[in-house]
Amino acid sequence: MLVLIHHDPRLLRIAAVTDKPVAAWVTKRARNLSMGLADQVTAVKFLIRDRDTRYAASFDAVFVAEGASVIRTPVQAPRANAICERVIGAIRRECLDRTSSPPPLGGRVRRVRRA
């Protein structure tokens, strides 16, 4: 899940969701998001991200080209990016855990009874 949080206006943007993100996918979503943000009056000043390997140098370059400073969170410091972690946890609990994915092709549908 690629999420962008604007702290000042308290705006949340969910750029995209996938089960297997790779560096090329994340970079493409960053470019799409950057084009969408170009129309806004306020520019992105800082990009705070974790040290995941999915964020390649090309991902950072998208935001650096827009004039943003890229800040990576410290190693093993979950509180450094606590707001984003909390938002993603809430999205998973409230939205993704309550949706069902379609069965695999050729697979059987498993029925679940709820009490």
C-alpha atoms as a PDB file:
ATOM      1  CA  MET A   1       0.000   0.000   0.000  1.00  0.00           C
ATOM      2  CA  LEU A   2       1.453   3.322  -1.043  1.00  0.00           C
ATOM      3  CA  VAL A   3       0.088   6.143   1.118  1.00  0.00           C
ATOM      4  CA  LEU A   4       0.906   9.845   1.117  1.00  0.00           C
ATOM      5  CA  ILE A   5      -0.075  11.945   4.120  1.00  0.00           C
ATOM      6  CA  HIS A   6      -0.151  15.741   3.995  1.00  0.00           C
ATOM      7  CA  HIS A   7       0.291  16.859   7.600  1.00  0.00           C
ATOM      8  CA  ASP A   8      -0.801  20.479   7.278  1.00  0.00           C
ATOM      9  CA  PRO A   9      -4.251  20.011   5.657  1.00  0.00           C
ATOM     10  CA  ARG A  10      -4.578  16.494   7.160  1.00  0.00           C
ATOM     11  CA  LEU A  11      -5.125  14.941   3.777  1.00  0.00           C
ATOM     12  CA  LEU A  12      -4.594  11.255   3.054  1.00  0.00           C
ATOM     13  CA  ARG A  13      -3.930   9.943  -0.444  1.00  0.00           C
ATOM     14  CA  ILE A  14      -3.886   6.244  -1.178  1.00  0.00           C
ATOM     15  CA  ALA A  15      -1.804   6.038  -4.326  1.00  0.00           C
ATOM     16  CA  ALA A  16      -2.276   2.333  -5.004  1.00  0.00           C
ATOM     17  CA  VAL A  17      -2.588  -1.094  -3.433  1.00  0.00           C
ATOM     18  CA  THR A  18      -0.939  -4.309  -4.564  1.00  0.00           C
ATOM     19  CA  ASP A  19       0.000  -7.592  -2.969  1.00  0.00           C
ATOM     20  CA  LYS A  20       3.512  -7.698  -4.465  1.00  0.00           C
ATOM     21  CA  PRO A  21       5.084  -4.249  -4.765  1.00  0.00           C
ATOM     22  CA  VAL A  22       8.438  -4.014  -6.489  1.00  0.00           C
ATOM     23  CA  ALA A  23      10.707  -1.018  -7.101  1.00  0.00           C
ATOM     24  CA  ALA A  24       9.411  -0.376 -10.634  1.00  0.00           C
ATOM     25  CA  TRP A  25       5.782  -0.446  -9.456  1.00  0.00           C
ATOM     26  CA  VAL A  26       6.464   1.961  -6.589  1.00  0.00           C
ATOM     27  CA  THR A  27       8.370   4.356  -8.866  1.00  0.00           C
ATOM     28  CA  LYS A  28       5.564   4.366 -11.438  1.00  0.00           C
ATOM     29  CA  ARG A  29       3.004   5.177  -8.736  1.00  0.00           C
ATOM     30  CA  ALA A  30       5.261   7.964  -7.466  1.00  0.00           C
ATOM     31  CA  ARG A  31       5.362   9.490 -10.957  1.00  0.00           C
ATOM     32  CA  ASN A  32       1.572   9.304 -11.251  1.00  0.00           C
ATOM     33  CA  LEU A  33       1.204  10.878  -7.830  1.00  0.00           C
ATOM     34  CA  SER A  34       3.709  13.587  -8.695  1.00  0.00           C
ATOM     35  CA  MET A  35       1.724  14.534 -11.788  1.00  0.00           C
ATOM     36  CA  GLY A  36      -1.416  14.782  -9.688  1.00  0.00           C
ATOM     37  CA  LEU A  37       0.323  16.951  -7.105  1.00  0.00           C
ATOM     38  CA  ALA A  38       1.754  19.313  -9.739  1.00  0.00           C
ATOM     39  CA  ASP A  39      -1.643  21.009 -10.084  1.00  0.00           C
ATOM     40  CA  GLN A  40      -1.775  21.985  -6.414  1.00  0.00           C
ATOM     41  CA  VAL A  41      -0.657  25.321  -5.026  1.00  0.00           C
ATOM     42  CA  THR A  42       1.326  23.898  -2.105  1.00  0.00           C
ATOM     43  CA  ALA A  43       4.370  21.891  -3.053  1.00  0.00           C
ATOM     44  CA  VAL A  44       5.685  18.835  -1.238  1.00  0.00           C
ATOM     45  CA  LYS A  45       8.588  19.972   0.941  1.00  0.00           C
ATOM     46  CA  PHE A  46       9.619  16.728   2.600  1.00  0.00           C
ATOM     47  CA  LEU A  47       9.176  13.048   1.854  1.00  0.00           C
ATOM     48  CA  ILE A  48       9.600  10.908   4.962  1.00  0.00           C
ATOM     49  CA  ARG A  49       9.905   7.236   4.124  1.00  0.00           C
ATOM     50  CA  ASP A  50      11.222   4.053   5.656  1.00  0.00           C
ATOM     51  CA  ARG A  51      14.286   2.150   4.497  1.00  0.00           C
ATOM     52  CA  ASP A  52      12.471  -0.542   2.535  1.00  0.00           C
ATOM     53  CA  THR A  53      14.326  -1.810  -0.524  1.00  0.00           C
ATOM     54  CA  ARG A  54      11.239  -1.193  -2.672  1.00  0.00           C
ATOM     55  CA  TYR A  55      12.026   2.505  -2.602  1.00  0.00           C
ATOM     56  CA  ALA A  56      14.786   2.646  -5.178  1.00  0.00           C
ATOM     57  CA  ALA A  57      16.832   5.708  -6.095  1.00  0.00           C
ATOM     58  CA  SER A  58      14.375   6.314  -8.955  1.00  0.00           C
ATOM     59  CA  PHE A  59      11.555   6.691  -6.390  1.00  0.00           C
ATOM     60  CA  ASP A  60      13.496   9.360  -4.523  1.00  0.00           C
ATOM     61  CA  ALA A  61      14.441  11.082  -7.785  1.00  0.00           C
ATOM     62  CA  VAL A  62      10.773  11.674  -8.625  1.00  0.00           C
ATOM     63  CA  PHE A  63      10.270  13.772  -5.505  1.00  0.00           C
ATOM     64  CA  VAL A  64      13.707  15.420  -5.599  1.00  0.00           C
ATOM     65  CA  ALA A  65      12.861  16.660  -9.114  1.00  0.00           C
ATOM     66  CA  GLU A  66       9.773  18.322  -7.601  1.00  0.00           C
ATOM     67  CA  GLY A  67      11.962  20.106  -5.032  1.00  0.00           C
ATOM     68  CA  ALA A  68      11.278  17.870  -2.029  1.00  0.00           C
ATOM     69  CA  SER A  69      13.874  16.703   0.466  1.00  0.00           C
ATOM     70  CA  VAL A  70      13.861  12.936   1.030  1.00  0.00           C
ATOM     71  CA  ILE A  71      14.266  11.888   4.663  1.00  0.00           C
ATOM     72  CA  ARG A  72      14.698   8.224   5.532  1.00  0.00           C
ATOM     73  CA  THR A  73      13.612   7.087   8.972  1.00  0.00           C
ATOM     74  CA  PRO A  74      16.312   5.786  11.341  1.00  0.00           C
ATOM     75  CA  VAL A  75      17.043   2.074  11.421  1.00  0.00           C
ATOM     76  CA  GLN A  76      14.723   0.101  13.728  1.00  0.00           C
ATOM     77  CA  ALA A  77      12.798   3.165  14.893  1.00  0.00           C
ATOM     78  CA  PRO A  78       9.083   2.422  14.391  1.00  0.00           C
ATOM     79  CA  ARG A  79       8.037   5.611  16.186  1.00  0.00           C
ATOM     80  CA  ALA A  80       9.810   7.766  13.603  1.00  0.00           C
ATOM     81  CA  ASN A  81       7.023   7.118  11.109  1.00  0.00           C
ATOM     82  CA  ALA A  82       4.238   6.482  13.608  1.00  0.00           C
ATOM     83  CA  ILE A  83       1.505   8.505  11.891  1.00  0.00           C
ATOM     84  CA  CYS A  84       1.816   6.585   8.632  1.00  0.00           C
ATOM     85  CA  GLU A  85       2.066   3.231  10.407  1.00  0.00           C
ATOM     86  CA  ARG A  86      -1.089   4.030  12.350  1.00  0.00           C
ATOM     87  CA  VAL A  87      -2.998   5.039   9.206  1.00  0.00           C
ATOM     88  CA  ILE A  88      -1.958   1.914   7.324  1.00  0.00           C
ATOM     89  CA  GLY A  89      -2.931  -0.254  10.301  1.00  0.00           C
ATOM     90  CA  ALA A  90      -6.356   1.392  10.430  1.00  0.00           C
ATOM     91  CA  ILE A  91      -6.873   0.920   6.692  1.00  0.00           C
ATOM     92  CA  ARG A  92      -5.981  -2.761   6.972  1.00  0.00           C
ATOM     93  CA  ARG A  93      -8.278  -3.351   9.932  1.00  0.00           C
ATOM     94  CA  GLU A  94     -11.240  -1.319   8.717  1.00  0.00           C
ATOM     95  CA  CYS A  95     -11.152  -1.930   4.973  1.00  0.00           C
ATOM     96  CA  LEU A  96      -8.952  -4.767   3.808  1.00  0.00           C
ATOM     97  CA  ASP A  97      -9.779  -7.279   6.530  1.00  0.00           C
ATOM     98  CA  ARG A  98     -13.481  -6.980   5.741  1.00  0.00           C
ATOM     99  CA  THR A  99     -13.253  -7.535   2.010  1.00  0.00           C
ATOM    100  CA  SER A 100     -12.935 -10.905   0.374  1.00  0.00           C
ATOM    101  CA  SER A 101     -10.754 -11.624  -2.578  1.00  0.00           C
ATOM    102  CA  PRO A 102     -12.066 -13.665  -5.499  1.00  0.00           C
ATOM    103  CA  PRO A 103     -11.177 -17.363  -5.522  1.00  0.00           C
ATOM    104  CA  PRO A 104      -8.275 -18.471  -7.707  1.00  0.00           C
ATOM    105  CA  LEU A 105      -9.117 -19.514 -11.243  1.00  0.00           C
ATOM    106  CA  GLY A 106     -10.400 -23.046 -11.225  1.00  0.00           C
ATOM    107  CA  GLY A 107     -10.564 -23.011  -7.447  1.00  0.00           C
ATOM    108  CA  ARG A 108     -13.533 -23.831  -5.288  1.00  0.00           C
ATOM    109  CA  VAL A 109     -15.434 -21.223  -3.390  1.00  0.00           C
ATOM    110  CA  ARG A 110     -15.253 -21.808   0.317  1.00  0.00           C
ATOM    111  CA  ARG A 111     -18.369 -20.808   2.219  1.00  0.00           C
ATOM    112  CA  VAL A 112     -18.008 -19.420   5.681  1.00  0.00           C
ATOM    113  CA  ARG A 113     -20.870 -19.249   8.126  1.00  0.00           C
ATOM    114  CA  ARG A 114     -21.030 -16.321  10.435  1.00  0.00           C
ATOM    115  CA  ALA A 115     -22.670 -16.635  13.796  1.00  0.00           C
END
